[in-house]
Amino acid sequence: MPAKPGTRRKKRDNFNERALIVPAMLMLVLWVVAAVAWSQSGDALLTAFFVYVGIFIGVGIGSYIALAEHERDTGRRLIMVMMGGLLLVIALFSDHGNMQVEGLFWALLAGFAPYILLHYALAKVLGPLVFGRIWCGWACWFAMIFDLMPYKHSRYRLPRRWGWVRYIHFITSFIVVSVLWLVFQYNGALGETGLLWFIGGLLLYDVLGIGLGLLLKDNRAFCKYLCPISVMMKTTSRFSLLKVAGNPDAGCETCNVCVEMCPMNIDIPKYIKNGQRVLSTECTLCQTCINLCPEDALWLSFGLDVGGEEHIDYVPPRRRSV
């Protein structure tokens, strides 16, 4: 029998210890590479990088695999802290430039800043063509902070019009950068100026995200209503090869666990019952729905389809509190 709406039945633990062999072997290989790098170059930063990535793969991914399915969100958050923290440290101390969206606009207008352009091309434009918004669910240095707040899920999303705020944010940032560059020849992409813009953006976004999250009791409030990066990611992630698929005969009519627990408030059964994969560009591939589905009716799959059809669980007018 399907679980009653709102319940979280513990799934059968079918963990196989052999699944840990791959992350363990990769960790050892990276540690060997770290030892070779140290012996050949004496570069402490490069050595530390390989050691850290080895720990990330062995401990982070290994713990995710080892955890029972209903506890894997804890493992995902650990991976996000490890991955997002590493990328943030690299961005802050590598002199690669302002990784905020304003840095991208300056890089495009000025025609240089290759690291900024490469980062956005791989993680935010081309990457989503294959893996969707996996950056948002597993690597974002903002989301790793927001997911530390105590609200594991929000039952509803604010009405559709609030989602347009992020588009206003995106356009406003572009206008500000364009005026500064074209009128004043001011560039906030590289050097000390770029670093100050980057740090300022980090602090501002974190304050806004935490404040909005506490107000709405929603860890991902910033992602849903304010994040300008999601604007470009939603555009290309609709063509993502990797999406959530499911069994349309699994009895979703009497179970809403995936909807209630989805951090982005996606009405997943509407897609599955129509014989579709989850086509929403709000999906961050966090796999919460897969891990908590009491019928094991959801999984990740590669395929060719076009997303963009949004089925979101918006707050009913009679229940709005904000």
C-alpha atoms as a PDB file:
ATOM      1  CA  MET A   1       0.000   0.000   0.000  1.00  0.00           C
ATOM      2  CA  PRO A   2       1.299   3.514  -0.741  1.00  0.00           C
ATOM      3  CA  ALA A   3       2.272   5.610   2.256  1.00  0.00           C
ATOM      4  CA  LYS A   4      -0.248   8.142   3.482  1.00  0.00           C
ATOM      5  CA  PRO A   5       0.407  11.779   2.431  1.00  0.00           C
ATOM      6  CA  GLY A   6       2.846  13.463   4.763  1.00  0.00           C
ATOM      7  CA  THR A   7       4.408  10.255   6.097  1.00  0.00           C
ATOM      8  CA  ARG A   8       8.067   9.317   5.704  1.00  0.00           C
ATOM      9  CA  ARG A   9       8.320   5.550   5.860  1.00  0.00           C
ATOM     10  CA  LYS A  10      11.844   4.223   6.351  1.00  0.00           C
ATOM     11  CA  LYS A  11      12.857   2.328   3.239  1.00  0.00           C
ATOM     12  CA  ARG A  12      14.487  -1.050   3.272  1.00  0.00           C
ATOM     13  CA  ASP A  13      18.238  -0.756   3.731  1.00  0.00           C
ATOM     14  CA  ASN A  14      19.768  -2.571   0.769  1.00  0.00           C
ATOM     15  CA  PHE A  15      23.253  -1.150   1.211  1.00  0.00           C
ATOM     16  CA  ASN A  16      26.035  -3.140  -0.384  1.00  0.00           C
ATOM     17  CA  GLU A  17      29.502  -2.511   1.069  1.00  0.00           C
ATOM     18  CA  ARG A  18      31.063  -3.175  -2.320  1.00  0.00           C
ATOM     19  CA  ALA A  19      29.583   0.138  -3.472  1.00  0.00           C
ATOM     20  CA  LEU A  20      32.233   1.888  -1.367  1.00  0.00           C
ATOM     21  CA  ILE A  21      35.111   0.323  -3.286  1.00  0.00           C
ATOM     22  CA  VAL A  22      35.032   2.897  -6.111  1.00  0.00           C
ATOM     23  CA  PRO A  23      35.137   6.080  -3.931  1.00  0.00           C
ATOM     24  CA  ALA A  24      37.745   4.438  -1.668  1.00  0.00           C
ATOM     25  CA  MET A  25      39.970   3.550  -4.623  1.00  0.00           C
ATOM     26  CA  LEU A  26      39.609   7.018  -6.135  1.00  0.00           C
ATOM     27  CA  MET A  27      40.559   8.562  -2.801  1.00  0.00           C
ATOM     28  CA  LEU A  28      43.718   6.442  -2.610  1.00  0.00           C
ATOM     29  CA  VAL A  29      44.633   7.268  -6.218  1.00  0.00           C
ATOM     30  CA  LEU A  30      44.308  11.003  -5.539  1.00  0.00           C
ATOM     31  CA  TRP A  31      46.422  10.684  -2.415  1.00  0.00           C
ATOM     32  CA  VAL A  32      49.111   8.967  -4.482  1.00  0.00           C
ATOM     33  CA  VAL A  33      48.910  11.844  -6.971  1.00  0.00           C
ATOM     34  CA  ALA A  34      49.255  14.266  -4.049  1.00  0.00           C
ATOM     35  CA  ALA A  35      52.376  12.472  -2.838  1.00  0.00           C
ATOM     36  CA  VAL A  36      53.888  12.549  -6.330  1.00  0.00           C
ATOM     37  CA  ALA A  37      53.039  16.240  -6.713  1.00  0.00           C
ATOM     38  CA  TRP A  38      54.731  17.022  -3.406  1.00  0.00           C
ATOM     39  CA  SER A  39      57.849  14.995  -4.235  1.00  0.00           C
ATOM     40  CA  GLN A  40      58.182  16.525  -7.699  1.00  0.00           C
ATOM     41  CA  SER A  41      57.260  20.154  -7.101  1.00  0.00           C
ATOM     42  CA  GLY A  42      57.009  20.779  -3.373  1.00  0.00           C
ATOM     43  CA  ASP A  43      53.864  22.782  -4.110  1.00  0.00           C
ATOM     44  CA  ALA A  44      51.923  22.684  -0.841  1.00  0.00           C
ATOM     45  CA  LEU A  45      48.721  24.151  -2.331  1.00  0.00           C
ATOM     46  CA  LEU A  46      48.624  21.658  -5.189  1.00  0.00           C
ATOM     47  CA  THR A  47      49.298  18.796  -2.788  1.00  0.00           C
ATOM     48  CA  ALA A  48      46.597  19.984  -0.399  1.00  0.00           C
ATOM     49  CA  PHE A  49      44.162  20.250  -3.307  1.00  0.00           C
ATOM     50  CA  PHE A  50      44.589  16.600  -4.312  1.00  0.00           C
ATOM     51  CA  VAL A  51      44.403  15.455  -0.686  1.00  0.00           C
ATOM     52  CA  TYR A  52      41.194  17.423  -0.180  1.00  0.00           C
ATOM     53  CA  VAL A  53      39.553  16.177  -3.345  1.00  0.00           C
ATOM     54  CA  GLY A  54      40.458  12.636  -2.307  1.00  0.00           C
ATOM     55  CA  ILE A  55      38.760  13.167   1.050  1.00  0.00           C
ATOM     56  CA  PHE A  56      35.788  14.711  -0.719  1.00  0.00           C
ATOM     57  CA  ILE A  57      35.330  11.669  -2.935  1.00  0.00           C
ATOM     58  CA  GLY A  58      36.056   9.091  -0.245  1.00  0.00           C
ATOM     59  CA  VAL A  59      34.224  10.636   2.712  1.00  0.00           C
ATOM     60  CA  GLY A  60      31.601  12.780   0.988  1.00  0.00           C
ATOM     61  CA  ILE A  61      30.451  10.473  -1.784  1.00  0.00           C
ATOM     62  CA  GLY A  62      31.196   7.376   0.291  1.00  0.00           C
ATOM     63  CA  SER A  63      28.986   8.573   3.133  1.00  0.00           C
ATOM     64  CA  TYR A  64      26.181   9.403   0.701  1.00  0.00           C
ATOM     65  CA  ILE A  65      26.285   5.862  -0.675  1.00  0.00           C
ATOM     66  CA  ALA A  66      26.518   4.278   2.786  1.00  0.00           C
ATOM     67  CA  LEU A  67      23.617   6.174   4.347  1.00  0.00           C
ATOM     68  CA  ALA A  68      20.122   4.716   4.324  1.00  0.00           C
ATOM     69  CA  GLU A  69      18.077   6.294   1.556  1.00  0.00           C
ATOM     70  CA  HIS A  70      15.865   8.295   3.918  1.00  0.00           C
ATOM     71  CA  GLU A  71      19.022   9.827   5.472  1.00  0.00           C
ATOM     72  CA  ARG A  72      20.896  10.643   2.281  1.00  0.00           C
ATOM     73  CA  ASP A  73      19.962  14.309   2.310  1.00  0.00           C
ATOM     74  CA  THR A  74      22.436  14.631   5.202  1.00  0.00           C
ATOM     75  CA  GLY A  75      25.114  13.129   2.971  1.00  0.00           C
ATOM     76  CA  ARG A  76      24.217  15.504   0.146  1.00  0.00           C
ATOM     77  CA  ARG A  77      24.581  18.474   2.468  1.00  0.00           C
ATOM     78  CA  LEU A  78      28.007  17.216   3.545  1.00  0.00           C
ATOM     79  CA  ILE A  79      29.031  16.948  -0.110  1.00  0.00           C
ATOM     80  CA  MET A  80      27.722  20.458  -0.763  1.00  0.00           C
ATOM     81  CA  VAL A  81      29.739  21.912   2.114  1.00  0.00           C
ATOM     82  CA  MET A  82      32.878  20.106   0.971  1.00  0.00           C
ATOM     83  CA  MET A  83      32.447  20.917  -2.721  1.00  0.00           C
ATOM     84  CA  GLY A  84      31.054  24.419  -2.345  1.00  0.00           C
ATOM     85  CA  GLY A  85      33.663  25.248   0.294  1.00  0.00           C
ATOM     86  CA  LEU A  86      36.494  24.089  -1.952  1.00  0.00           C
ATOM     87  CA  LEU A  87      35.239  26.060  -4.933  1.00  0.00           C
ATOM     88  CA  LEU A  88      34.716  29.145  -2.781  1.00  0.00           C
ATOM     89  CA  VAL A  89      38.258  28.994  -1.402  1.00  0.00           C
ATOM     90  CA  ILE A  90      39.640  28.608  -4.923  1.00  0.00           C
ATOM     91  CA  ALA A  91      37.550  31.550  -6.130  1.00  0.00           C
ATOM     92  CA  LEU A  92      38.699  33.765  -3.250  1.00  0.00           C
ATOM     93  CA  PHE A  93      42.414  32.973  -3.294  1.00  0.00           C
ATOM     94  CA  SER A  94      43.227  32.101  -6.904  1.00  0.00           C
ATOM     95  CA  ASP A  95      42.875  35.607  -8.359  1.00  0.00           C
ATOM     96  CA  HIS A  96      40.466  34.260 -10.971  1.00  0.00           C
ATOM     97  CA  GLY A  97      38.187  37.260 -10.670  1.00  0.00           C
ATOM     98  CA  ASN A  98      34.681  38.243  -9.624  1.00  0.00           C
ATOM     99  CA  MET A  99      32.541  35.101  -9.934  1.00  0.00           C
ATOM    100  CA  GLN A 100      29.277  36.937  -9.260  1.00  0.00           C
ATOM    101  CA  VAL A 101      26.954  37.500 -12.197  1.00  0.00           C
ATOM    102  CA  GLU A 102      28.217  41.107 -12.416  1.00  0.00           C
ATOM    103  CA  GLY A 103      31.712  39.720 -13.044  1.00  0.00           C
ATOM    104  CA  LEU A 104      30.336  37.706 -15.946  1.00  0.00           C
ATOM    105  CA  PHE A 105      28.731  40.804 -17.463  1.00  0.00           C
ATOM    106  CA  TRP A 106      31.992  42.761 -17.181  1.00  0.00           C
ATOM    107  CA  ALA A 107      33.913  39.852 -18.696  1.00  0.00           C
ATOM    108  CA  LEU A 108      31.521  39.738 -21.660  1.00  0.00           C
ATOM    109  CA  LEU A 109      31.616  43.504 -22.217  1.00  0.00           C
ATOM    110  CA  ALA A 110      35.381  43.812 -21.790  1.00  0.00           C
ATOM    111  CA  GLY A 111      36.168  40.667 -23.766  1.00  0.00           C
ATOM    112  CA  PHE A 112      38.521  39.023 -21.281  1.00  0.00           C
ATOM    113  CA  ALA A 113      38.611  37.342 -17.807  1.00  0.00           C
ATOM    114  CA  PRO A 114      38.891  33.762 -19.133  1.00  0.00           C
ATOM    115  CA  TYR A 115      38.380  32.016 -15.768  1.00  0.00           C
ATOM    116  CA  ILE A 116      35.074  33.793 -15.205  1.00  0.00           C
ATOM    117  CA  LEU A 117      33.870  32.945 -18.706  1.00  0.00           C
ATOM    118  CA  LEU A 118      35.041  29.326 -18.375  1.00  0.00           C
ATOM    119  CA  HIS A 119      33.302  28.898 -15.013  1.00  0.00           C
ATOM    120  CA  TYR A 120      29.976  30.177 -16.288  1.00  0.00           C
ATOM    121  CA  ALA A 121      30.252  28.304 -19.576  1.00  0.00           C
ATOM    122  CA  LEU A 122      30.873  24.955 -17.891  1.00  0.00           C
ATOM    123  CA  ALA A 123      28.836  25.203 -14.680  1.00  0.00           C
ATOM    124  CA  LYS A 124      25.972  27.513 -15.610  1.00  0.00           C
ATOM    125  CA  VAL A 125      25.401  27.278 -19.388  1.00  0.00           C
ATOM    126  CA  LEU A 126      26.781  24.113 -21.012  1.00  0.00           C
ATOM    127  CA  GLY A 127      26.753  21.879 -17.924  1.00  0.00           C
ATOM    128  CA  PRO A 128      22.971  22.196 -17.469  1.00  0.00           C
ATOM    129  CA  LEU A 129      22.490  20.878 -21.014  1.00  0.00           C
ATOM    130  CA  VAL A 130      23.617  17.506 -19.651  1.00  0.00           C
ATOM    131  CA  PHE A 131      23.171  17.596 -15.875  1.00  0.00           C
ATOM    132  CA  GLY A 132      20.474  20.224 -15.395  1.00  0.00           C
ATOM    133  CA  ARG A 133      20.796  22.399 -12.307  1.00  0.00           C
ATOM    134  CA  ILE A 134      22.974  19.909 -10.451  1.00  0.00           C
ATOM    135  CA  TRP A 135      25.213  22.845  -9.446  1.00  0.00           C
ATOM    136  CA  CYS A 136      22.340  24.231  -7.358  1.00  0.00           C
ATOM    137  CA  GLY A 137      21.737  20.942  -5.590  1.00  0.00           C
ATOM    138  CA  TRP A 138      25.295  19.776  -4.969  1.00  0.00           C
ATOM    139  CA  ALA A 139      27.953  22.502  -5.329  1.00  0.00           C
ATOM    140  CA  CYS A 140      26.607  26.058  -4.883  1.00  0.00           C
ATOM    141  CA  TRP A 141      28.512  27.986  -2.203  1.00  0.00           C
ATOM    142  CA  PHE A 142      25.379  29.987  -1.383  1.00  0.00           C
ATOM    143  CA  ALA A 143      23.098  26.967  -1.087  1.00  0.00           C
ATOM    144  CA  MET A 144      25.588  25.200   1.180  1.00  0.00           C
ATOM    145  CA  ILE A 145      24.968  28.023   3.700  1.00  0.00           C
ATOM    146  CA  PHE A 146      21.218  28.188   3.176  1.00  0.00           C
ATOM    147  CA  ASP A 147      20.834  24.428   3.617  1.00  0.00           C
ATOM    148  CA  LEU A 148      22.286  24.733   7.129  1.00  0.00           C
ATOM    149  CA  MET A 149      19.066  26.439   8.186  1.00  0.00           C
ATOM    150  CA  PRO A 150      16.641  24.087   9.971  1.00  0.00           C
ATOM    151  CA  TYR A 151      13.848  24.034   7.384  1.00  0.00           C
ATOM    152  CA  LYS A 152      14.246  20.812   5.408  1.00  0.00           C
ATOM    153  CA  HIS A 153      11.254  21.572   3.205  1.00  0.00           C
ATOM    154  CA  SER A 154       8.616  24.232   2.583  1.00  0.00           C
ATOM    155  CA  ARG A 155       5.106  22.993   1.981  1.00  0.00           C
ATOM    156  CA  TYR A 156       4.207  25.618  -0.630  1.00  0.00           C
ATOM    157  CA  ARG A 157       5.853  28.231  -2.803  1.00  0.00           C
ATOM    158  CA  LEU A 158       4.750  31.852  -2.925  1.00  0.00           C
ATOM    159  CA  PRO A 159       2.532  32.830  -5.901  1.00  0.00           C
ATOM    160  CA  ARG A 160       4.073  32.711  -9.363  1.00  0.00           C
ATOM    161  CA  ARG A 161       4.697  36.469  -9.628  1.00  0.00           C
ATOM    162  CA  TRP A 162       7.360  36.330  -6.894  1.00  0.00           C
ATOM    163  CA  GLY A 163       9.529  34.206  -9.169  1.00  0.00           C
ATOM    164  CA  TRP A 164       9.952  37.203 -11.482  1.00  0.00           C
ATOM    165  CA  VAL A 165      12.010  39.053  -8.864  1.00  0.00           C
ATOM    166  CA  ARG A 166      15.119  37.087  -9.881  1.00  0.00           C
ATOM    167  CA  TYR A 167      14.651  38.227 -13.495  1.00  0.00           C
ATOM    168  CA  ILE A 168      14.447  41.825 -12.306  1.00  0.00           C
ATOM    169  CA  HIS A 169      17.624  41.210 -10.302  1.00  0.00           C
ATOM    170  CA  PHE A 170      19.374  39.762 -13.369  1.00  0.00           C
ATOM    171  CA  ILE A 171      18.374  42.662 -15.647  1.00  0.00           C
ATOM    172  CA  THR A 172      19.198  45.313 -13.042  1.00  0.00           C
ATOM    173  CA  SER A 173      22.679  43.857 -12.533  1.00  0.00           C
ATOM    174  CA  PHE A 174      23.292  43.926 -16.282  1.00  0.00           C
ATOM    175  CA  ILE A 175      22.140  47.562 -16.559  1.00  0.00           C
ATOM    176  CA  VAL A 176      24.341  48.671 -13.643  1.00  0.00           C
ATOM    177  CA  VAL A 177      27.405  46.908 -15.071  1.00  0.00           C
ATOM    178  CA  SER A 178      26.748  48.274 -18.567  1.00  0.00           C
ATOM    179  CA  VAL A 179      26.518  51.852 -17.295  1.00  0.00           C
ATOM    180  CA  LEU A 180      29.672  51.512 -15.189  1.00  0.00           C
ATOM    181  CA  TRP A 181      31.619  50.037 -18.114  1.00  0.00           C
ATOM    182  CA  LEU A 182      30.305  52.064 -21.054  1.00  0.00           C
ATOM    183  CA  VAL A 183      30.048  55.436 -19.306  1.00  0.00           C
ATOM    184  CA  PHE A 184      32.803  55.345 -16.688  1.00  0.00           C
ATOM    185  CA  GLN A 185      35.081  52.609 -18.101  1.00  0.00           C
ATOM    186  CA  TYR A 186      34.856  50.927 -14.697  1.00  0.00           C
ATOM    187  CA  ASN A 187      35.606  47.191 -14.593  1.00  0.00           C
ATOM    188  CA  GLY A 188      34.789  45.119 -11.526  1.00  0.00           C
ATOM    189  CA  ALA A 189      35.813  41.753 -12.957  1.00  0.00           C
ATOM    190  CA  LEU A 190      39.491  41.308 -12.084  1.00  0.00           C
ATOM    191  CA  GLY A 191      42.142  42.311  -9.593  1.00  0.00           C
ATOM    192  CA  GLU A 192      41.493  43.841  -6.198  1.00  0.00           C
ATOM    193  CA  THR A 193      38.348  45.576  -7.469  1.00  0.00           C
ATOM    194  CA  GLY A 194      36.929  42.296  -8.723  1.00  0.00           C
ATOM    195  CA  LEU A 195      37.724  40.584  -5.415  1.00  0.00           C
ATOM    196  CA  LEU A 196      35.943  43.324  -3.462  1.00  0.00           C
ATOM    197  CA  TRP A 197      32.884  42.991  -5.701  1.00  0.00           C
ATOM    198  CA  PHE A 198      32.966  39.221  -5.221  1.00  0.00           C
ATOM    199  CA  ILE A 199      33.210  39.399  -1.426  1.00  0.00           C
ATOM    200  CA  GLY A 200      30.567  42.120  -1.274  1.00  0.00           C
ATOM    201  CA  GLY A 201      28.219  39.981  -3.351  1.00  0.00           C
ATOM    202  CA  LEU A 202      28.875  36.947  -1.150  1.00  0.00           C
ATOM    203  CA  LEU A 203      27.985  38.852   1.994  1.00  0.00           C
ATOM    204  CA  LEU A 204      24.933  40.515   0.452  1.00  0.00           C
ATOM    205  CA  TYR A 205      23.523  37.298  -1.013  1.00  0.00           C
ATOM    206  CA  ASP A 206      24.141  35.344   2.195  1.00  0.00           C
ATOM    207  CA  VAL A 207      22.425  37.990   4.319  1.00  0.00           C
ATOM    208  CA  LEU A 208      19.468  38.205   1.930  1.00  0.00           C
ATOM    209  CA  GLY A 209      19.211  34.438   1.593  1.00  0.00           C
ATOM    210  CA  ILE A 210      19.361  33.739   5.313  1.00  0.00           C
ATOM    211  CA  GLY A 211      16.958  36.572   6.109  1.00  0.00           C
ATOM    212  CA  LEU A 212      14.437  35.490   3.488  1.00  0.00           C
ATOM    213  CA  GLY A 213      14.820  31.850   4.517  1.00  0.00           C
ATOM    214  CA  LEU A 214      14.077  32.651   8.160  1.00  0.00           C
ATOM    215  CA  LEU A 215      11.133  34.841   7.181  1.00  0.00           C
ATOM    216  CA  LEU A 216       9.525  32.237   4.926  1.00  0.00           C
ATOM    217  CA  LYS A 217      10.816  29.176   6.830  1.00  0.00           C
ATOM    218  CA  ASP A 218      12.353  27.962   3.584  1.00  0.00           C
ATOM    219  CA  ASN A 219      16.041  27.109   3.081  1.00  0.00           C
ATOM    220  CA  ARG A 220      15.779  27.650  -0.665  1.00  0.00           C
ATOM    221  CA  ALA A 221      13.829  30.934  -0.646  1.00  0.00           C
ATOM    222  CA  PHE A 222      16.757  32.829  -2.211  1.00  0.00           C
ATOM    223  CA  CYS A 223      17.020  30.241  -4.983  1.00  0.00           C
ATOM    224  CA  LYS A 224      13.313  30.529  -5.798  1.00  0.00           C
ATOM    225  CA  TYR A 225      12.840  34.295  -5.698  1.00  0.00           C
ATOM    226  CA  LEU A 226      16.145  36.214  -5.835  1.00  0.00           C
ATOM    227  CA  CYS A 227      19.001  34.229  -7.413  1.00  0.00           C
ATOM    228  CA  PRO A 228      20.022  35.819 -10.755  1.00  0.00           C
ATOM    229  CA  ILE A 229      22.109  32.789 -11.760  1.00  0.00           C
ATOM    230  CA  SER A 230      19.001  30.626 -11.941  1.00  0.00           C
ATOM    231  CA  VAL A 231      17.784  32.790 -14.831  1.00  0.00           C
ATOM    232  CA  MET A 232      20.440  31.511 -17.234  1.00  0.00           C
ATOM    233  CA  MET A 233      20.432  27.997 -15.773  1.00  0.00           C
ATOM    234  CA  LYS A 234      16.681  27.626 -16.278  1.00  0.00           C
ATOM    235  CA  THR A 235      17.185  28.466 -19.952  1.00  0.00           C
ATOM    236  CA  THR A 236      19.592  25.640 -20.757  1.00  0.00           C
ATOM    237  CA  SER A 237      18.507  23.081 -18.137  1.00  0.00           C
ATOM    238  CA  ARG A 238      15.222  22.584 -19.973  1.00  0.00           C
ATOM    239  CA  PHE A 239      17.252  20.571 -22.521  1.00  0.00           C
ATOM    240  CA  SER A 240      19.033  18.555 -19.808  1.00  0.00           C
ATOM    241  CA  LEU A 241      19.727  14.920 -20.635  1.00  0.00           C
ATOM    242  CA  LEU A 242      19.617  13.936 -16.950  1.00  0.00           C
ATOM    243  CA  LYS A 243      16.205  14.198 -15.313  1.00  0.00           C
ATOM    244  CA  VAL A 244      14.073  12.381 -12.770  1.00  0.00           C
ATOM    245  CA  ALA A 245      11.896   9.651 -14.275  1.00  0.00           C
ATOM    246  CA  GLY A 246       9.285   7.449 -12.662  1.00  0.00           C
ATOM    247  CA  ASN A 247       6.737   4.673 -12.851  1.00  0.00           C
ATOM    248  CA  PRO A 248       3.287   6.060 -13.774  1.00  0.00           C
ATOM    249  CA  ASP A 249       1.591   2.965 -12.292  1.00  0.00           C
ATOM    250  CA  ALA A 250       3.053   3.339  -8.801  1.00  0.00           C
ATOM    251  CA  GLY A 251      -0.067   4.725  -7.121  1.00  0.00           C
ATOM    252  CA  CYS A 252       0.946   8.372  -6.913  1.00  0.00           C
ATOM    253  CA  GLU A 253      -2.721   9.396  -6.599  1.00  0.00           C
ATOM    254  CA  THR A 254      -2.660   8.632  -2.867  1.00  0.00           C
ATOM    255  CA  CYS A 255       0.895   9.700  -1.980  1.00  0.00           C
ATOM    256  CA  ASN A 256       2.383  13.190  -1.893  1.00  0.00           C
ATOM    257  CA  VAL A 257       5.641  12.524  -0.042  1.00  0.00           C
ATOM    258  CA  CYS A 258       7.788  13.703  -2.957  1.00  0.00           C
ATOM    259  CA  VAL A 259       5.770  16.913  -3.334  1.00  0.00           C
ATOM    260  CA  GLU A 260       5.804  17.697   0.372  1.00  0.00           C
ATOM    261  CA  MET A 261       9.544  17.106   0.726  1.00  0.00           C
ATOM    262  CA  CYS A 262      10.791  18.618  -2.560  1.00  0.00           C
ATOM    263  CA  PRO A 263      12.849  21.693  -1.568  1.00  0.00           C
ATOM    264  CA  MET A 264      11.786  23.441  -4.798  1.00  0.00           C
ATOM    265  CA  ASN A 265       8.055  22.600  -4.442  1.00  0.00           C
ATOM    266  CA  ILE A 266       7.782  20.696  -7.728  1.00  0.00           C
ATOM    267  CA  ASP A 267       4.574  18.722  -8.256  1.00  0.00           C
ATOM    268  CA  ILE A 268       6.453  15.615  -9.383  1.00  0.00           C
ATOM    269  CA  PRO A 269       3.460  13.206  -9.747  1.00  0.00           C
ATOM    270  CA  LYS A 270       1.888  15.422 -12.427  1.00  0.00           C
ATOM    271  CA  TYR A 271       4.800  14.636 -14.728  1.00  0.00           C
ATOM    272  CA  ILE A 272       5.089  10.969 -13.832  1.00  0.00           C
ATOM    273  CA  LYS A 273       1.360  10.226 -14.235  1.00  0.00           C
ATOM    274  CA  ASN A 274       1.525  11.819 -17.705  1.00  0.00           C
ATOM    275  CA  GLY A 275       4.334   9.481 -18.705  1.00  0.00           C
ATOM    276  CA  GLN A 276       6.905  12.300 -18.640  1.00  0.00           C
ATOM    277  CA  ARG A 277      10.157  12.830 -16.851  1.00  0.00           C
ATOM    278  CA  VAL A 278      10.256  15.782 -14.427  1.00  0.00           C
ATOM    279  CA  LEU A 279      10.474  18.648 -16.922  1.00  0.00           C
ATOM    280  CA  SER A 280      10.606  21.497 -14.405  1.00  0.00           C
ATOM    281  CA  THR A 281      13.622  23.793 -14.724  1.00  0.00           C
ATOM    282  CA  GLU A 282      13.380  24.318 -10.961  1.00  0.00           C
ATOM    283  CA  CYS A 283      14.703  20.801 -10.282  1.00  0.00           C
ATOM    284  CA  THR A 284      18.180  20.795  -8.694  1.00  0.00           C
ATOM    285  CA  LEU A 285      18.614  16.994  -8.872  1.00  0.00           C
ATOM    286  CA  CYS A 286      18.972  16.809  -5.091  1.00  0.00           C
ATOM    287  CA  GLN A 287      17.298  13.353  -5.311  1.00  0.00           C
ATOM    288  CA  THR A 288      15.169  13.952  -2.218  1.00  0.00           C
ATOM    289  CA  CYS A 289      12.129  12.655  -4.096  1.00  0.00           C
ATOM    290  CA  ILE A 290      13.997   9.522  -5.195  1.00  0.00           C
ATOM    291  CA  ASN A 291      15.339   8.736  -1.742  1.00  0.00           C
ATOM    292  CA  LEU A 292      12.023   9.287   0.065  1.00  0.00           C
ATOM    293  CA  CYS A 293       9.613   7.700  -2.407  1.00  0.00           C
ATOM    294  CA  PRO A 294       7.974   4.864  -0.402  1.00  0.00           C
ATOM    295  CA  GLU A 295       7.362   2.847  -3.574  1.00  0.00           C
ATOM    296  CA  ASP A 296      10.859   3.195  -5.113  1.00  0.00           C
ATOM    297  CA  ALA A 297       9.015   4.606  -8.125  1.00  0.00           C
ATOM    298  CA  LEU A 298      11.496   7.380  -9.045  1.00  0.00           C
ATOM    299  CA  TRP A 299      15.008   7.308 -10.480  1.00  0.00           C
ATOM    300  CA  LEU A 300      17.502   9.353 -12.498  1.00  0.00           C
ATOM    301  CA  SER A 301      17.598   8.733 -16.234  1.00  0.00           C
ATOM    302  CA  PHE A 302      19.281  10.035 -19.365  1.00  0.00           C
ATOM    303  CA  GLY A 303      17.040  10.896 -22.287  1.00  0.00           C
ATOM    304  CA  LEU A 304      16.054  13.414 -24.919  1.00  0.00           C
ATOM    305  CA  ASP A 305      13.130  15.681 -24.143  1.00  0.00           C
ATOM    306  CA  VAL A 306      12.505  19.395 -23.743  1.00  0.00           C
ATOM    307  CA  GLY A 307      11.591  20.750 -20.335  1.00  0.00           C
ATOM    308  CA  GLY A 308      10.120  24.039 -19.289  1.00  0.00           C
ATOM    309  CA  GLU A 309       6.626  22.786 -18.463  1.00  0.00           C
ATOM    310  CA  GLU A 310       6.318  23.954 -14.854  1.00  0.00           C
ATOM    311  CA  HIS A 311       4.110  22.144 -12.356  1.00  0.00           C
ATOM    312  CA  ILE A 312       4.794  23.925  -9.063  1.00  0.00           C
ATOM    313  CA  ASP A 313       2.965  23.540  -5.767  1.00  0.00           C
ATOM    314  CA  TYR A 314       2.061  27.190  -5.166  1.00  0.00           C
ATOM    315  CA  VAL A 315       0.471  28.368  -1.932  1.00  0.00           C
ATOM    316  CA  PRO A 316      -3.342  28.494  -2.226  1.00  0.00           C
ATOM    317  CA  PRO A 317      -4.722  32.044  -1.774  1.00  0.00           C
ATOM    318  CA  ARG A 318      -6.710  31.057   1.318  1.00  0.00           C
ATOM    319  CA  ARG A 319      -3.531  29.820   3.057  1.00  0.00           C
ATOM    320  CA  ARG A 320      -1.142  32.649   2.250  1.00  0.00           C
ATOM    321  CA  SER A 321       0.610  34.025   5.277  1.00  0.00           C
ATOM    322  CA  VAL A 322       3.117  36.299   3.499  1.00  0.00           C
END
